Amino acid sequence: MTRDAWIGFVFLAFAVVYWIAADGIRISPLDGPVTAAGLPKSLAYALGGLALLLILRSLAVKWMAAGTRRPPAAAEPDEEAGSSNFREHLRAAGMLGLGIGYLLVVPYLGYTLAIVGLLLATAIYAGARFGLKTAAIAGAGGLFFYLLFVQFLHIPLPPGLWPELLRSLQG
């Protein structure tokens, strides 16, 4: 069995133990539609699903390598490993900067506009070209997250200055 398959099985076992522990969280009579165990159980499902995907991927790679009957190509040593690692750290710092920027503007712009901006900025940072398609996908993602958290899960998120501004314009 490959190393990835073993890691997948370990994480699958961890997901099961985590779900059992989350299932033991007491439900309060004050809980709403989303209980205290909701997020931990969701994380356990996600971890278990990703672990299964890792196991299936390792089996598929092994099966495909056996079908070609040639050893997998060895990775060539990278001469610029040091500068490559530095660039990767800079890219990670850029992503962190986008997250910090989101946290700074969300009280003013509100959740919906801030998440649309974050999705758009992240897509462009990752290499997508700015255009109508990218903006439409970011807008649809912002609408999806608004509907999920505010309308479906009834989680109050920052509305921003817009409601106050609209009230002042009306009165």
C-alpha atoms as a PDB file:
ATOM      1  CA  MET A   1       0.000   0.000   0.000  1.00  0.00           C
ATOM      2  CA  THR A   2       1.265   3.494  -0.810  1.00  0.00           C
ATOM      3  CA  ARG A   3       2.092   6.167   1.715  1.00  0.00           C
ATOM      4  CA  ASP A   4      -0.902   8.246   0.556  1.00  0.00           C
ATOM      5  CA  ALA A   5      -3.257   5.329   1.182  1.00  0.00           C
ATOM      6  CA  TRP A   6      -1.919   4.885   4.716  1.00  0.00           C
ATOM      7  CA  ILE A   7      -2.289   8.597   5.409  1.00  0.00           C
ATOM      8  CA  GLY A   8      -5.830   8.415   4.022  1.00  0.00           C
ATOM      9  CA  PHE A   9      -6.724   5.541   6.345  1.00  0.00           C
ATOM     10  CA  VAL A  10      -5.254   7.346   9.359  1.00  0.00           C
ATOM     11  CA  PHE A  11      -7.252  10.490   8.553  1.00  0.00           C
ATOM     12  CA  LEU A  12     -10.382   8.430   7.920  1.00  0.00           C
ATOM     13  CA  ALA A  13     -10.022   6.872  11.374  1.00  0.00           C
ATOM     14  CA  PHE A  14      -9.427  10.322  12.847  1.00  0.00           C
ATOM     15  CA  ALA A  15     -12.597  11.594  11.114  1.00  0.00           C
ATOM     16  CA  VAL A  16     -14.636   8.767  12.640  1.00  0.00           C
ATOM     17  CA  VAL A  17     -13.257   9.448  16.139  1.00  0.00           C
ATOM     18  CA  TYR A  18     -13.836  13.198  15.670  1.00  0.00           C
ATOM     19  CA  TRP A  19     -17.438  12.606  14.537  1.00  0.00           C
ATOM     20  CA  ILE A  20     -18.110  10.372  17.553  1.00  0.00           C
ATOM     21  CA  ALA A  21     -16.721  13.074  19.835  1.00  0.00           C
ATOM     22  CA  ALA A  22     -18.830  15.728  18.081  1.00  0.00           C
ATOM     23  CA  ASP A  23     -21.898  13.536  18.418  1.00  0.00           C
ATOM     24  CA  GLY A  24     -21.364  13.627  22.174  1.00  0.00           C
ATOM     25  CA  ILE A  25     -21.850  17.409  22.301  1.00  0.00           C
ATOM     26  CA  ARG A  26     -25.028  18.072  24.223  1.00  0.00           C
ATOM     27  CA  ILE A  27     -27.812  19.887  22.417  1.00  0.00           C
ATOM     28  CA  SER A  28     -29.106  22.859  24.348  1.00  0.00           C
ATOM     29  CA  PRO A  29     -32.766  23.841  24.344  1.00  0.00           C
ATOM     30  CA  LEU A  30     -31.529  27.293  23.314  1.00  0.00           C
ATOM     31  CA  ASP A  31     -29.944  25.960  20.102  1.00  0.00           C
ATOM     32  CA  GLY A  32     -31.484  27.046  16.839  1.00  0.00           C
ATOM     33  CA  PRO A  33     -31.498  25.184  13.547  1.00  0.00           C
ATOM     34  CA  VAL A  34     -27.704  24.886  13.729  1.00  0.00           C
ATOM     35  CA  THR A  35     -26.623  23.128  16.916  1.00  0.00           C
ATOM     36  CA  ALA A  36     -23.254  23.279  18.629  1.00  0.00           C
ATOM     37  CA  ALA A  37     -22.361  19.924  17.061  1.00  0.00           C
ATOM     38  CA  GLY A  38     -23.200  21.069  13.529  1.00  0.00           C
ATOM     39  CA  LEU A  39     -19.822  22.525  12.585  1.00  0.00           C
ATOM     40  CA  PRO A  40     -17.689  19.763  14.168  1.00  0.00           C
ATOM     41  CA  LYS A  41     -19.789  17.088  12.443  1.00  0.00           C
ATOM     42  CA  SER A  42     -19.473  18.938   9.128  1.00  0.00           C
ATOM     43  CA  LEU A  43     -15.705  19.071   9.572  1.00  0.00           C
ATOM     44  CA  ALA A  44     -15.667  15.336  10.322  1.00  0.00           C
ATOM     45  CA  TYR A  45     -17.654  14.641   7.131  1.00  0.00           C
ATOM     46  CA  ALA A  46     -15.290  16.840   5.117  1.00  0.00           C
ATOM     47  CA  LEU A  47     -12.193  15.163   6.581  1.00  0.00           C
ATOM     48  CA  GLY A  48     -13.649  11.709   5.945  1.00  0.00           C
ATOM     49  CA  GLY A  49     -14.550  12.617   2.362  1.00  0.00           C
ATOM     50  CA  LEU A  50     -11.098  14.014   1.660  1.00  0.00           C
ATOM     51  CA  ALA A  51      -9.490  10.948   3.241  1.00  0.00           C
ATOM     52  CA  LEU A  52     -11.554   8.685   0.971  1.00  0.00           C
ATOM     53  CA  LEU A  53     -10.536  10.756  -2.043  1.00  0.00           C
ATOM     54  CA  LEU A  54      -6.873  10.420  -1.056  1.00  0.00           C
ATOM     55  CA  ILE A  55      -7.240   6.652  -0.719  1.00  0.00           C
ATOM     56  CA  LEU A  56      -9.024   6.353  -4.069  1.00  0.00           C
ATOM     57  CA  ARG A  57      -6.452   8.610  -5.737  1.00  0.00           C
ATOM     58  CA  SER A  58      -3.555   6.524  -4.445  1.00  0.00           C
ATOM     59  CA  LEU A  59      -5.236   3.337  -5.673  1.00  0.00           C
ATOM     60  CA  ALA A  60      -5.911   4.906  -9.080  1.00  0.00           C
ATOM     61  CA  VAL A  61      -2.297   6.064  -9.413  1.00  0.00           C
ATOM     62  CA  LYS A  62      -1.048   2.612  -8.447  1.00  0.00           C
ATOM     63  CA  TRP A  63      -3.468   0.979 -10.910  1.00  0.00           C
ATOM     64  CA  MET A  64      -2.447   3.339 -13.737  1.00  0.00           C
ATOM     65  CA  ALA A  65       1.265   2.819 -13.024  1.00  0.00           C
ATOM     66  CA  ALA A  66       0.758  -0.949 -13.134  1.00  0.00           C
ATOM     67  CA  GLY A  67      -1.024  -0.611 -16.475  1.00  0.00           C
ATOM     68  CA  THR A  68       1.870   1.295 -18.070  1.00  0.00           C
ATOM     69  CA  ARG A  69       4.489  -1.131 -16.670  1.00  0.00           C
ATOM     70  CA  ARG A  70       7.095   1.573 -16.331  1.00  0.00           C
ATOM     71  CA  PRO A  71       8.421   3.110 -13.159  1.00  0.00           C
ATOM     72  CA  PRO A  72       7.210   6.577 -12.325  1.00  0.00           C
ATOM     73  CA  ALA A  73       9.577   9.341 -13.322  1.00  0.00           C
ATOM     74  CA  ALA A  74      11.792  10.535 -10.524  1.00  0.00           C
ATOM     75  CA  ALA A  75      11.590  14.201  -9.692  1.00  0.00           C
ATOM     76  CA  GLU A  76      14.613  16.117 -10.882  1.00  0.00           C
ATOM     77  CA  PRO A  77      16.392  18.212  -8.295  1.00  0.00           C
ATOM     78  CA  ASP A  78      15.442  21.861  -8.555  1.00  0.00           C
ATOM     79  CA  GLU A  79      18.428  24.172  -8.869  1.00  0.00           C
ATOM     80  CA  GLU A  80      16.388  27.157  -7.754  1.00  0.00           C
ATOM     81  CA  ALA A  81      14.757  25.478  -4.748  1.00  0.00           C
ATOM     82  CA  GLY A  82      15.692  28.299  -2.414  1.00  0.00           C
ATOM     83  CA  SER A  83      14.271  31.072  -4.589  1.00  0.00           C
ATOM     84  CA  SER A  84      11.230  28.934  -5.419  1.00  0.00           C
ATOM     85  CA  ASN A  85      10.487  28.461  -1.718  1.00  0.00           C
ATOM     86  CA  PHE A  86      10.845  32.204  -1.174  1.00  0.00           C
ATOM     87  CA  ARG A  87       8.375  32.920  -3.993  1.00  0.00           C
ATOM     88  CA  GLU A  88       5.915  30.435  -2.499  1.00  0.00           C
ATOM     89  CA  HIS A  89       6.209  32.170   0.864  1.00  0.00           C
ATOM     90  CA  LEU A  90       5.598  35.529  -0.806  1.00  0.00           C
ATOM     91  CA  ARG A  91       2.488  34.155  -2.528  1.00  0.00           C
ATOM     92  CA  ALA A  92       1.231  32.819   0.805  1.00  0.00           C
ATOM     93  CA  ALA A  93       1.891  36.224   2.386  1.00  0.00           C
ATOM     94  CA  GLY A  94      -0.134  37.795  -0.436  1.00  0.00           C
ATOM     95  CA  MET A  95      -3.052  35.469   0.324  1.00  0.00           C
ATOM     96  CA  LEU A  96      -2.765  36.380   4.002  1.00  0.00           C
ATOM     97  CA  GLY A  97      -2.834  40.047   2.979  1.00  0.00           C
ATOM     98  CA  LEU A  98      -6.060  39.463   1.042  1.00  0.00           C
ATOM     99  CA  GLY A  99      -7.618  37.865   4.126  1.00  0.00           C
ATOM    100  CA  ILE A 100      -6.519  40.739   6.353  1.00  0.00           C
ATOM    101  CA  GLY A 101      -7.865  43.235   3.813  1.00  0.00           C
ATOM    102  CA  TYR A 102     -11.201  41.407   3.855  1.00  0.00           C
ATOM    103  CA  LEU A 103     -11.355  41.598   7.653  1.00  0.00           C
ATOM    104  CA  LEU A 104     -10.612  45.324   7.546  1.00  0.00           C
ATOM    105  CA  VAL A 105     -13.337  46.206   5.026  1.00  0.00           C
ATOM    106  CA  VAL A 106     -16.152  43.834   6.079  1.00  0.00           C
ATOM    107  CA  PRO A 107     -17.499  46.141   8.838  1.00  0.00           C
ATOM    108  CA  TYR A 108     -17.829  49.002   6.331  1.00  0.00           C
ATOM    109  CA  LEU A 109     -18.823  47.278   3.083  1.00  0.00           C
ATOM    110  CA  GLY A 110     -20.862  44.541   4.713  1.00  0.00           C
ATOM    111  CA  TYR A 111     -20.464  40.793   4.349  1.00  0.00           C
ATOM    112  CA  THR A 112     -21.924  40.421   0.865  1.00  0.00           C
ATOM    113  CA  LEU A 113     -19.835  43.084  -0.885  1.00  0.00           C
ATOM    114  CA  ALA A 114     -16.711  42.153   1.074  1.00  0.00           C
ATOM    115  CA  ILE A 115     -16.974  38.456   0.161  1.00  0.00           C
ATOM    116  CA  VAL A 116     -17.562  39.328  -3.509  1.00  0.00           C
ATOM    117  CA  GLY A 117     -14.440  41.503  -3.374  1.00  0.00           C
ATOM    118  CA  LEU A 118     -12.463  38.751  -1.656  1.00  0.00           C
ATOM    119  CA  LEU A 119     -13.516  36.148  -4.217  1.00  0.00           C
ATOM    120  CA  LEU A 120     -12.668  38.487  -7.096  1.00  0.00           C
ATOM    121  CA  ALA A 121      -9.305  39.508  -5.625  1.00  0.00           C
ATOM    122  CA  THR A 122      -8.380  35.895  -4.865  1.00  0.00           C
ATOM    123  CA  ALA A 123      -9.256  34.759  -8.379  1.00  0.00           C
ATOM    124  CA  ILE A 124      -7.183  37.535  -9.944  1.00  0.00           C
ATOM    125  CA  TYR A 125      -4.311  36.863  -7.524  1.00  0.00           C
ATOM    126  CA  ALA A 126      -4.418  33.183  -8.497  1.00  0.00           C
ATOM    127  CA  GLY A 127      -4.044  34.114 -12.168  1.00  0.00           C
ATOM    128  CA  ALA A 128      -7.553  34.554 -13.550  1.00  0.00           C
ATOM    129  CA  ARG A 129      -8.029  37.375 -16.014  1.00  0.00           C
ATOM    130  CA  PHE A 130     -10.282  40.179 -14.870  1.00  0.00           C
ATOM    131  CA  GLY A 131     -13.420  40.224 -16.934  1.00  0.00           C
ATOM    132  CA  LEU A 132     -17.154  39.800 -16.926  1.00  0.00           C
ATOM    133  CA  LYS A 133     -16.923  36.033 -16.335  1.00  0.00           C
ATOM    134  CA  THR A 134     -14.634  36.398 -13.313  1.00  0.00           C
ATOM    135  CA  ALA A 135     -16.793  39.182 -11.856  1.00  0.00           C
ATOM    136  CA  ALA A 136     -19.976  37.163 -12.452  1.00  0.00           C
ATOM    137  CA  ILE A 137     -18.524  34.112 -10.712  1.00  0.00           C
ATOM    138  CA  ALA A 138     -17.430  36.263  -7.742  1.00  0.00           C
ATOM    139  CA  GLY A 139     -20.891  37.847  -7.600  1.00  0.00           C
ATOM    140  CA  ALA A 140     -22.598  34.457  -7.744  1.00  0.00           C
ATOM    141  CA  GLY A 141     -20.275  33.173  -5.004  1.00  0.00           C
ATOM    142  CA  GLY A 142     -21.077  36.171  -2.813  1.00  0.00           C
ATOM    143  CA  LEU A 143     -24.800  35.640  -3.366  1.00  0.00           C
ATOM    144  CA  PHE A 144     -24.421  31.925  -2.569  1.00  0.00           C
ATOM    145  CA  PHE A 145     -22.591  32.602   0.700  1.00  0.00           C
ATOM    146  CA  TYR A 146     -25.123  35.293   1.660  1.00  0.00           C
ATOM    147  CA  LEU A 147     -28.033  32.929   1.024  1.00  0.00           C
ATOM    148  CA  LEU A 148     -26.278  30.086   2.846  1.00  0.00           C
ATOM    149  CA  PHE A 149     -25.266  31.939   5.991  1.00  0.00           C
ATOM    150  CA  VAL A 150     -27.842  34.705   6.370  1.00  0.00           C
ATOM    151  CA  GLN A 151     -30.994  33.244   4.827  1.00  0.00           C
ATOM    152  CA  PHE A 152     -30.591  29.475   5.284  1.00  0.00           C
ATOM    153  CA  LEU A 153     -28.535  29.196   8.499  1.00  0.00           C
ATOM    154  CA  HIS A 154     -29.838  32.472   9.999  1.00  0.00           C
ATOM    155  CA  ILE A 155     -26.365  33.613  11.016  1.00  0.00           C
ATOM    156  CA  PRO A 156     -26.277  37.399  11.369  1.00  0.00           C
ATOM    157  CA  LEU A 157     -23.368  38.856   9.421  1.00  0.00           C
ATOM    158  CA  PRO A 158     -22.227  42.488   9.204  1.00  0.00           C
ATOM    159  CA  PRO A 159     -24.536  44.487   6.904  1.00  0.00           C
ATOM    160  CA  GLY A 160     -22.030  47.322   6.619  1.00  0.00           C
ATOM    161  CA  LEU A 161     -22.895  50.971   6.191  1.00  0.00           C
ATOM    162  CA  TRP A 162     -25.472  50.364   3.437  1.00  0.00           C
ATOM    163  CA  PRO A 163     -28.624  50.046   5.579  1.00  0.00           C
ATOM    164  CA  GLU A 164     -27.748  53.230   7.495  1.00  0.00           C
ATOM    165  CA  LEU A 165     -26.958  55.060   4.260  1.00  0.00           C
ATOM    166  CA  LEU A 166     -30.274  53.994   2.687  1.00  0.00           C
ATOM    167  CA  ARG A 167     -32.212  55.095   5.778  1.00  0.00           C
ATOM    168  CA  SER A 168     -30.531  58.508   5.704  1.00  0.00           C
ATOM    169  CA  LEU A 169     -31.326  58.939   2.002  1.00  0.00           C
ATOM    170  CA  GLN A 170     -34.978  58.008   2.532  1.00  0.00           C
ATOM    171  CA  GLY A 171     -35.568  60.249   5.530  1.00  0.00           C
END
